[in-house]
Amino acid sequence: MPTPLDRALHSKNLFMGFAGMVTAAAAWAIWGNDMFPEQADPTGDPEQWTVDEMRRWLRARGLMPDGKATRDELLERVKANLRIPRNTST
């Protein structure tokens, strides 16, 4: 009598799930970040940026923002690093 593990190993759903993951990994390897381009940097006065825009701007420069940072702390860090170019090697 087959065990649940035997039935799972012979399942078409398991095979299809594995094939889907391999296909997704191959598509990512072929197209990479071109499929999901990065958002453009926010422009204008940093005082007017949202918290998400400030976090994205800092992350793009490798200045990983603290998850608990306040808006004022993020703004201060953005202003202190305005001359750092975007990190395009990722």
PDB file of N, CA and C in Angstrom:
ATOM      1  N   MET A   1       0.856  -1.183   0.000  1.00  0.00           N
ATOM      2  CA  MET A   1       0.000   0.000   0.000  1.00  0.00           C
ATOM      3  C   MET A   1       0.902   1.247   0.000  1.00  0.00           C
ATOM      4  N   PRO A   2       0.686   2.193  -0.932  1.00  0.00           N
ATOM      5  CA  PRO A   2       1.544   3.385  -1.013  1.00  0.00           C
ATOM      6  C   PRO A   2       1.300   4.330   0.164  1.00  0.00           C
ATOM      7  N   THR A   3       2.371   4.917   0.637  1.00  0.00           N
ATOM      8  CA  THR A   3       2.292   5.885   1.735  1.00  0.00           C
ATOM      9  C   THR A   3       1.949   7.260   1.153  1.00  0.00           C
ATOM     10  N   PRO A   4       1.570   8.201   2.003  1.00  0.00           N
ATOM     11  CA  PRO A   4       1.297   9.554   1.503  1.00  0.00           C
ATOM     12  C   PRO A   4       2.512  10.159   0.796  1.00  0.00           C
ATOM     13  N   LEU A   5       3.728   9.829   1.263  1.00  0.00           N
ATOM     14  CA  LEU A   5       4.931  10.334   0.615  1.00  0.00           C
ATOM     15  C   LEU A   5       5.070   9.757  -0.795  1.00  0.00           C
ATOM     16  N   ASP A   6       4.784   8.472  -0.951  1.00  0.00           N
ATOM     17  CA  ASP A   6       4.844   7.856  -2.278  1.00  0.00           C
ATOM     18  C   ASP A   6       3.851   8.518  -3.227  1.00  0.00           C
ATOM     19  N   ARG A   7       2.646   8.769  -2.723  1.00  0.00           N
ATOM     20  CA  ARG A   7       1.632   9.410  -3.568  1.00  0.00           C
ATOM     21  C   ARG A   7       2.065  10.828  -3.947  1.00  0.00           C
ATOM     22  N   ALA A   8       2.684  11.557  -3.005  1.00  0.00           N
ATOM     23  CA  ALA A   8       3.128  12.925  -3.285  1.00  0.00           C
ATOM     24  C   ALA A   8       4.237  12.933  -4.327  1.00  0.00           C
ATOM     25  N   LEU A   9       5.133  11.956  -4.248  1.00  0.00           N
ATOM     26  CA  LEU A   9       6.247  11.916  -5.201  1.00  0.00           C
ATOM     27  C   LEU A   9       5.790  11.568  -6.610  1.00  0.00           C
ATOM     28  N   HIS A  10       4.649  10.925  -6.733  1.00  0.00           N
ATOM     29  CA  HIS A  10       4.131  10.563  -8.051  1.00  0.00           C
ATOM     30  C   HIS A  10       3.032  11.524  -8.518  1.00  0.00           C
ATOM     31  N   SER A  11       2.849  12.605  -7.786  1.00  0.00           N
ATOM     32  CA  SER A  11       1.786  13.558  -8.078  1.00  0.00           C
ATOM     33  C   SER A  11       2.139  14.435  -9.284  1.00  0.00           C
ATOM     34  N   LYS A  12       1.170  14.629 -10.144  1.00  0.00           N
ATOM     35  CA  LYS A  12       1.350  15.541 -11.279  1.00  0.00           C
ATOM     36  C   LYS A  12       1.462  16.982 -10.786  1.00  0.00           C
ATOM     37  N   ASN A  13       0.754  17.309  -9.712  1.00  0.00           N
ATOM     38  CA  ASN A  13       0.807  18.674  -9.180  1.00  0.00           C
ATOM     39  C   ASN A  13       2.204  19.020  -8.691  1.00  0.00           C
ATOM     40  N   LEU A  14       2.866  18.076  -8.037  1.00  0.00           N
ATOM     41  CA  LEU A  14       4.221  18.315  -7.573  1.00  0.00           C
ATOM     42  C   LEU A  14       5.148  18.552  -8.761  1.00  0.00           C
ATOM     43  N   PHE A  15       5.015  17.736  -9.791  1.00  0.00           N
ATOM     44  CA  PHE A  15       5.846  17.903 -10.984  1.00  0.00           C
ATOM     45  C   PHE A  15       5.584  19.255 -11.645  1.00  0.00           C
ATOM     46  N   MET A  16       4.326  19.622 -11.771  1.00  0.00           N
ATOM     47  CA  MET A  16       3.983  20.895 -12.409  1.00  0.00           C
ATOM     48  C   MET A  16       4.488  22.078 -11.576  1.00  0.00           C
ATOM     49  N   GLY A  17       4.414  21.978 -10.266  1.00  0.00           N
ATOM     50  CA  GLY A  17       4.936  23.037  -9.406  1.00  0.00           C
ATOM     51  C   GLY A  17       6.437  23.184  -9.567  1.00  0.00           C
ATOM     52  N   PHE A  18       7.144  22.068  -9.605  1.00  0.00           N
ATOM     53  CA  PHE A  18       8.589  22.105  -9.799  1.00  0.00           C
ATOM     54  C   PHE A  18       8.931  22.683 -11.166  1.00  0.00           C
ATOM     55  N   ALA A  19       8.223  22.249 -12.202  1.00  0.00           N
ATOM     56  CA  ALA A  19       8.467  22.757 -13.552  1.00  0.00           C
ATOM     57  C   ALA A  19       8.202  24.265 -13.621  1.00  0.00           C
ATOM     58  N   GLY A  20       7.187  24.736 -12.915  1.00  0.00           N
ATOM     59  CA  GLY A  20       6.888  26.168 -12.873  1.00  0.00           C
ATOM     60  C   GLY A  20       7.993  26.962 -12.213  1.00  0.00           C
ATOM     61  N   MET A  21       8.545  26.417 -11.121  1.00  0.00           N
ATOM     62  CA  MET A  21       9.639  27.116 -10.435  1.00  0.00           C
ATOM     63  C   MET A  21      10.887  27.170 -11.313  1.00  0.00           C
ATOM     64  N   VAL A  22      11.181  26.085 -12.021  1.00  0.00           N
ATOM     65  CA  VAL A  22      12.341  26.070 -12.921  1.00  0.00           C
ATOM     66  C   VAL A  22      12.138  27.067 -14.051  1.00  0.00           C
ATOM     67  N   THR A  23      10.931  27.132 -14.582  1.00  0.00           N
ATOM     68  CA  THR A  23      10.629  28.083 -15.652  1.00  0.00           C
ATOM     69  C   THR A  23      10.768  29.526 -15.165  1.00  0.00           C
ATOM     70  N   ALA A  24      10.261  29.795 -13.976  1.00  0.00           N
ATOM     71  CA  ALA A  24      10.367  31.150 -13.414  1.00  0.00           C
ATOM     72  C   ALA A  24      11.828  31.527 -13.184  1.00  0.00           C
ATOM     73  N   ALA A  25      12.623  30.608 -12.677  1.00  0.00           N
ATOM     74  CA  ALA A  25      14.044  30.890 -12.445  1.00  0.00           C
ATOM     75  C   ALA A  25      14.766  31.131 -13.765  1.00  0.00           C
ATOM     76  N   ALA A  26      14.425  30.361 -14.798  1.00  0.00           N
ATOM     77  CA  ALA A  26      15.051  30.561 -16.110  1.00  0.00           C
ATOM     78  C   ALA A  26      14.659  31.915 -16.692  1.00  0.00           C
ATOM     79  N   ALA A  27      13.390  32.282 -16.567  1.00  0.00           N
ATOM     80  CA  ALA A  27      12.938  33.584 -17.080  1.00  0.00           C
ATOM     81  C   ALA A  27      13.655  34.720 -16.362  1.00  0.00           C
ATOM     82  N   TRP A  28      13.819  34.599 -15.050  1.00  0.00           N
ATOM     83  CA  TRP A  28      14.518  35.640 -14.290  1.00  0.00           C
ATOM     84  C   TRP A  28      15.975  35.728 -14.729  1.00  0.00           C
ATOM     85  N   ALA A  29      16.609  34.573 -14.962  1.00  0.00           N
ATOM     86  CA  ALA A  29      18.008  34.565 -15.386  1.00  0.00           C
ATOM     87  C   ALA A  29      18.174  35.195 -16.769  1.00  0.00           C
ATOM     88  N   ILE A  30      17.198  35.003 -17.633  1.00  0.00           N
ATOM     89  CA  ILE A  30      17.280  35.538 -18.997  1.00  0.00           C
ATOM     90  C   ILE A  30      16.987  37.032 -19.016  1.00  0.00           C
ATOM     91  N   TRP A  31      15.892  37.448 -18.390  1.00  0.00           N
ATOM     92  CA  TRP A  31      15.475  38.847 -18.471  1.00  0.00           C
ATOM     93  C   TRP A  31      15.922  39.687 -17.289  1.00  0.00           C
ATOM     94  N   GLY A  32      16.163  39.073 -16.162  1.00  0.00           N
ATOM     95  CA  GLY A  32      16.648  39.777 -14.977  1.00  0.00           C
ATOM     96  C   GLY A  32      15.779  40.949 -14.582  1.00  0.00           C
ATOM     97  N   ASN A  33      16.426  42.044 -14.204  1.00  0.00           N
ATOM     98  CA  ASN A  33      15.698  43.221 -13.720  1.00  0.00           C
ATOM     99  C   ASN A  33      15.024  44.007 -14.828  1.00  0.00           C
ATOM    100  N   ASP A  34      15.247  43.642 -16.086  1.00  0.00           N
ATOM    101  CA  ASP A  34      14.566  44.338 -17.178  1.00  0.00           C
ATOM    102  C   ASP A  34      13.069  44.085 -17.136  1.00  0.00           C
ATOM    103  N   MET A  35      12.661  42.952 -16.563  1.00  0.00           N
ATOM    104  CA  MET A  35      11.234  42.658 -16.443  1.00  0.00           C
ATOM    105  C   MET A  35      10.566  43.595 -15.442  1.00  0.00           C
ATOM    106  N   PHE A  36      11.276  43.898 -14.366  1.00  0.00           N
ATOM    107  CA  PHE A  36      10.740  44.738 -13.302  1.00  0.00           C
ATOM    108  C   PHE A  36      11.712  45.879 -13.052  1.00  0.00           C
ATOM    109  N   PRO A  37      11.693  46.907 -13.895  1.00  0.00           N
ATOM    110  CA  PRO A  37      12.664  47.999 -13.741  1.00  0.00           C
ATOM    111  C   PRO A  37      12.465  48.742 -12.417  1.00  0.00           C
ATOM    112  N   GLU A  38      13.559  49.296 -11.922  1.00  0.00           N
ATOM    113  CA  GLU A  38      13.498  50.067 -10.692  1.00  0.00           C
ATOM    114  C   GLU A  38      12.728  51.369 -10.935  1.00  0.00           C
ATOM    115  N   GLN A  39      12.129  51.846  -9.872  1.00  0.00           N
ATOM    116  CA  GLN A  39      11.435  53.124  -9.967  1.00  0.00           C
ATOM    117  C   GLN A  39      12.470  54.234 -10.041  1.00  0.00           C
ATOM    118  N   ALA A  40      12.113  55.288 -10.716  1.00  0.00           N
ATOM    119  CA  ALA A  40      13.014  56.432 -10.848  1.00  0.00           C
ATOM    120  C   ALA A  40      13.165  57.121  -9.498  1.00  0.00           C
ATOM    121  N   ASP A  41      14.285  57.801  -9.347  1.00  0.00           N
ATOM    122  CA  ASP A  41      14.516  58.579  -8.130  1.00  0.00           C
ATOM    123  C   ASP A  41      13.481  59.681  -8.014  1.00  0.00           C
ATOM    124  N   PRO A  42      13.063  59.988  -6.784  1.00  0.00           N
ATOM    125  CA  PRO A  42      12.189  61.145  -6.610  1.00  0.00           C
ATOM    126  C   PRO A  42      12.958  62.419  -6.960  1.00  0.00           C
ATOM    127  N   THR A  43      12.248  63.396  -7.447  1.00  0.00           N
ATOM    128  CA  THR A  43      12.894  64.650  -7.840  1.00  0.00           C
ATOM    129  C   THR A  43      12.314  65.798  -7.027  1.00  0.00           C
ATOM    130  N   GLY A  44      12.966  66.925  -7.110  1.00  0.00           N
ATOM    131  CA  GLY A  44      12.484  68.110  -6.405  1.00  0.00           C
ATOM    132  C   GLY A  44      13.052  68.203  -5.008  1.00  0.00           C
ATOM    133  N   ASP A  45      12.388  68.957  -4.193  1.00  0.00           N
ATOM    134  CA  ASP A  45      12.825  69.233  -2.828  1.00  0.00           C
ATOM    135  C   ASP A  45      12.577  68.016  -1.933  1.00  0.00           C
ATOM    136  N   PRO A  46      13.618  67.471  -1.294  1.00  0.00           N
ATOM    137  CA  PRO A  46      13.430  66.321  -0.404  1.00  0.00           C
ATOM    138  C   PRO A  46      12.429  66.587   0.720  1.00  0.00           C
ATOM    139  N   GLU A  47      12.233  67.850   1.070  1.00  0.00           N
ATOM    140  CA  GLU A  47      11.262  68.190   2.116  1.00  0.00           C
ATOM    141  C   GLU A  47       9.845  67.752   1.717  1.00  0.00           C
ATOM    142  N   GLN A  48       9.599  67.657   0.399  1.00  0.00           N
ATOM    143  CA  GLN A  48       8.275  67.302  -0.100  1.00  0.00           C
ATOM    144  C   GLN A  48       8.116  65.814  -0.384  1.00  0.00           C
ATOM    145  N   TRP A  49       9.179  65.029  -0.245  1.00  0.00           N
ATOM    146  CA  TRP A  49       9.116  63.593  -0.528  1.00  0.00           C
ATOM    147  C   TRP A  49       8.352  62.870   0.565  1.00  0.00           C
ATOM    148  N   THR A  50       7.753  61.746   0.166  1.00  0.00           N
ATOM    149  CA  THR A  50       7.088  60.894   1.156  1.00  0.00           C
ATOM    150  C   THR A  50       8.156  60.051   1.857  1.00  0.00           C
ATOM    151  N   VAL A  51       7.780  59.422   2.943  1.00  0.00           N
ATOM    152  CA  VAL A  51       8.707  58.550   3.675  1.00  0.00           C
ATOM    153  C   VAL A  51       9.172  57.411   2.782  1.00  0.00           C
ATOM    154  N   ASP A  52       8.260  56.837   1.992  1.00  0.00           N
ATOM    155  CA  ASP A  52       8.629  55.749   1.079  1.00  0.00           C
ATOM    156  C   ASP A  52       9.639  56.217   0.035  1.00  0.00           C
ATOM    157  N   GLU A  53       9.464  57.424  -0.484  1.00  0.00           N
ATOM    158  CA  GLU A  53      10.414  57.959  -1.468  1.00  0.00           C
ATOM    159  C   GLU A  53      11.792  58.152  -0.841  1.00  0.00           C
ATOM    160  N   MET A  54      11.819  58.628   0.394  1.00  0.00           N
ATOM    161  CA  MET A  54      13.116  58.808   1.062  1.00  0.00           C
ATOM    162  C   MET A  54      13.796  57.470   1.304  1.00  0.00           C
ATOM    163  N   ARG A  55      13.040  56.468   1.738  1.00  0.00           N
ATOM    164  CA  ARG A  55      13.607  55.135   1.968  1.00  0.00           C
ATOM    165  C   ARG A  55      14.138  54.551   0.660  1.00  0.00           C
ATOM    166  N   ARG A  56      13.367  54.692  -0.428  1.00  0.00           N
ATOM    167  CA  ARG A  56      13.796  54.165  -1.732  1.00  0.00           C
ATOM    168  C   ARG A  56      15.071  54.867  -2.198  1.00  0.00           C
ATOM    169  N   TRP A  57      15.131  56.175  -2.023  1.00  0.00           N
ATOM    170  CA  TRP A  57      16.308  56.949  -2.426  1.00  0.00           C
ATOM    171  C   TRP A  57      17.538  56.490  -1.660  1.00  0.00           C
ATOM    172  N   LEU A  58      17.408  56.298  -0.357  1.00  0.00           N
ATOM    173  CA  LEU A  58      18.530  55.851   0.473  1.00  0.00           C
ATOM    174  C   LEU A  58      18.952  54.425   0.110  1.00  0.00           C
ATOM    175  N   ARG A  59      17.977  53.533  -0.098  1.00  0.00           N
ATOM    176  CA  ARG A  59      18.287  52.139  -0.466  1.00  0.00           C
ATOM    177  C   ARG A  59      19.024  52.070  -1.792  1.00  0.00           C
ATOM    178  N   ALA A  60      18.658  52.921  -2.747  1.00  0.00           N
ATOM    179  CA  ALA A  60      19.288  52.909  -4.071  1.00  0.00           C
ATOM    180  C   ALA A  60      20.755  53.308  -3.996  1.00  0.00           C
ATOM    181  N   ARG A  61      21.162  53.936  -2.916  1.00  0.00           N
ATOM    182  CA  ARG A  61      22.556  54.364  -2.748  1.00  0.00           C
ATOM    183  C   ARG A  61      23.302  53.519  -1.727  1.00  0.00           C
ATOM    184  N   GLY A  62      22.695  52.424  -1.318  1.00  0.00           N
ATOM    185  CA  GLY A  62      23.337  51.547  -0.359  1.00  0.00           C
ATOM    186  C   GLY A  62      23.373  52.115   1.045  1.00  0.00           C
ATOM    187  N   LEU A  63      22.505  53.058   1.344  1.00  0.00           N
ATOM    188  CA  LEU A  63      22.456  53.696   2.663  1.00  0.00           C
ATOM    189  C   LEU A  63      21.257  53.160   3.439  1.00  0.00           C
ATOM    190  N   MET A  64      21.194  51.880   3.584  1.00  0.00           N
ATOM    191  CA  MET A  64      20.037  51.193   4.157  1.00  0.00           C
ATOM    192  C   MET A  64      19.412  51.966   5.323  1.00  0.00           C
ATOM    193  N   PRO A  65      18.207  52.476   5.109  1.00  0.00           N
ATOM    194  CA  PRO A  65      17.565  53.254   6.167  1.00  0.00           C
ATOM    195  C   PRO A  65      17.079  52.346   7.293  1.00  0.00           C
ATOM    196  N   ASP A  66      17.137  52.853   8.513  1.00  0.00           N
ATOM    197  CA  ASP A  66      16.641  52.127   9.671  1.00  0.00           C
ATOM    198  C   ASP A  66      15.122  52.033   9.563  1.00  0.00           C
ATOM    199  N   GLY A  67      14.593  50.850   9.800  1.00  0.00           N
ATOM    200  CA  GLY A  67      13.154  50.651   9.704  1.00  0.00           C
ATOM    201  C   GLY A  67      12.356  51.469  10.711  1.00  0.00           C
ATOM    202  N   LYS A  68      13.000  51.881  11.792  1.00  0.00           N
ATOM    203  CA  LYS A  68      12.312  52.644  12.839  1.00  0.00           C
ATOM    204  C   LYS A  68      12.572  54.142  12.739  1.00  0.00           C
ATOM    205  N   ALA A  69      13.299  54.564  11.721  1.00  0.00           N
ATOM    206  CA  ALA A  69      13.654  55.980  11.588  1.00  0.00           C
ATOM    207  C   ALA A  69      12.409  56.831  11.350  1.00  0.00           C
ATOM    208  N   THR A  70      12.400  57.995  11.943  1.00  0.00           N
ATOM    209  CA  THR A  70      11.285  58.929  11.752  1.00  0.00           C
ATOM    210  C   THR A  70      11.477  59.667  10.425  1.00  0.00           C
ATOM    211  N   ARG A  71      10.456  60.378  10.013  1.00  0.00           N
ATOM    212  CA  ARG A  71      10.538  61.143   8.770  1.00  0.00           C
ATOM    213  C   ARG A  71      11.658  62.177   8.856  1.00  0.00           C
ATOM    214  N   ASP A  72      11.783  62.821  10.003  1.00  0.00           N
ATOM    215  CA  ASP A  72      12.831  63.838  10.175  1.00  0.00           C
ATOM    216  C   ASP A  72      14.227  63.225  10.090  1.00  0.00           C
ATOM    217  N   GLU A  73      14.401  62.037  10.671  1.00  0.00           N
ATOM    218  CA  GLU A  73      15.702  61.365  10.607  1.00  0.00           C
ATOM    219  C   GLU A  73      16.047  60.968   9.172  1.00  0.00           C
ATOM    220  N   LEU A  74      15.041  60.467   8.449  1.00  0.00           N
ATOM    221  CA  LEU A  74      15.264  60.098   7.048  1.00  0.00           C
ATOM    222  C   LEU A  74      15.620  61.326   6.221  1.00  0.00           C
ATOM    223  N   LEU A  75      14.891  62.419   6.437  1.00  0.00           N
ATOM    224  CA  LEU A  75      15.145  63.654   5.697  1.00  0.00           C
ATOM    225  C   LEU A  75      16.558  64.168   5.970  1.00  0.00           C
ATOM    226  N   GLU A  76      16.984  64.110   7.217  1.00  0.00           N
ATOM    227  CA  GLU A  76      18.328  64.558   7.576  1.00  0.00           C
ATOM    228  C   GLU A  76      19.377  63.700   6.868  1.00  0.00           C
ATOM    229  N   ARG A  77      19.146  62.405   6.805  1.00  0.00           N
ATOM    230  CA  ARG A  77      20.099  61.508   6.153  1.00  0.00           C
ATOM    231  C   ARG A  77      20.135  61.733   4.646  1.00  0.00           C
ATOM    232  N   VAL A  78      18.970  61.980   4.037  1.00  0.00           N
ATOM    233  CA  VAL A  78      18.916  62.267   2.596  1.00  0.00           C
ATOM    234  C   VAL A  78      19.707  63.530   2.296  1.00  0.00           C
ATOM    235  N   LYS A  79      19.453  64.587   3.060  1.00  0.00           N
ATOM    236  CA  LYS A  79      20.136  65.867   2.823  1.00  0.00           C
ATOM    237  C   LYS A  79      21.644  65.733   3.007  1.00  0.00           C
ATOM    238  N   ALA A  80      22.071  64.911   3.971  1.00  0.00           N
ATOM    239  CA  ALA A  80      23.506  64.732   4.221  1.00  0.00           C
ATOM    240  C   ALA A  80      24.190  63.962   3.093  1.00  0.00           C
ATOM    241  N   ASN A  81      23.413  63.224   2.311  1.00  0.00           N
ATOM    242  CA  ASN A  81      23.995  62.361   1.276  1.00  0.00           C
ATOM    243  C   ASN A  81      23.527  62.712  -0.132  1.00  0.00           C
ATOM    244  N   LEU A  82      23.075  63.928  -0.363  1.00  0.00           N
ATOM    245  CA  LEU A  82      22.526  64.291  -1.671  1.00  0.00           C
ATOM    246  C   LEU A  82      23.522  64.126  -2.817  1.00  0.00           C
ATOM    247  N   ARG A  83      24.808  64.182  -2.563  1.00  0.00           N
ATOM    248  CA  ARG A  83      25.797  64.090  -3.640  1.00  0.00           C
ATOM    249  C   ARG A  83      26.195  62.668  -3.992  1.00  0.00           C
ATOM    250  N   ILE A  84      25.714  61.688  -3.260  1.00  0.00           N
ATOM    251  CA  ILE A  84      26.073  60.280  -3.535  1.00  0.00           C
ATOM    252  C   ILE A  84      25.245  59.792  -4.721  1.00  0.00           C
ATOM    253  N   PRO A  85      25.913  59.297  -5.785  1.00  0.00           N
ATOM    254  CA  PRO A  85      25.172  58.822  -6.949  1.00  0.00           C
ATOM    255  C   PRO A  85      24.461  57.498  -6.656  1.00  0.00           C
ATOM    256  N   ARG A  86      23.473  57.217  -7.466  1.00  0.00           N
ATOM    257  CA  ARG A  86      22.714  55.981  -7.346  1.00  0.00           C
ATOM    258  C   ARG A  86      23.615  54.795  -7.618  1.00  0.00           C
ATOM    259  N   ASN A  87      23.473  53.733  -6.840  1.00  0.00           N
ATOM    260  CA  ASN A  87      24.253  52.507  -7.005  1.00  0.00           C
ATOM    261  C   ASN A  87      23.621  51.690  -8.126  1.00  0.00           C
ATOM    262  N   THR A  88      24.262  51.628  -9.292  1.00  0.00           N
ATOM    263  CA  THR A  88      23.705  50.933 -10.446  1.00  0.00           C
ATOM    264  C   THR A  88      24.259  49.538 -10.616  1.00  0.00           C
ATOM    265  N   SER A  89      25.076  49.054  -9.693  1.00  0.00           N
ATOM    266  CA  SER A  89      25.688  47.731  -9.844  1.00  0.00           C
ATOM    267  C   SER A  89      24.814  46.624  -9.333  1.00  0.00           C
ATOM    268  N   THR A  90      23.636  46.910  -8.780  1.00  0.00           N
ATOM    269  CA  THR A  90      22.775  45.856  -8.247  1.00  0.00           C
ATOM    270  C   THR A  90      21.881  45.295  -9.302  1.00  0.00           C
TER     271      THR A  90
END
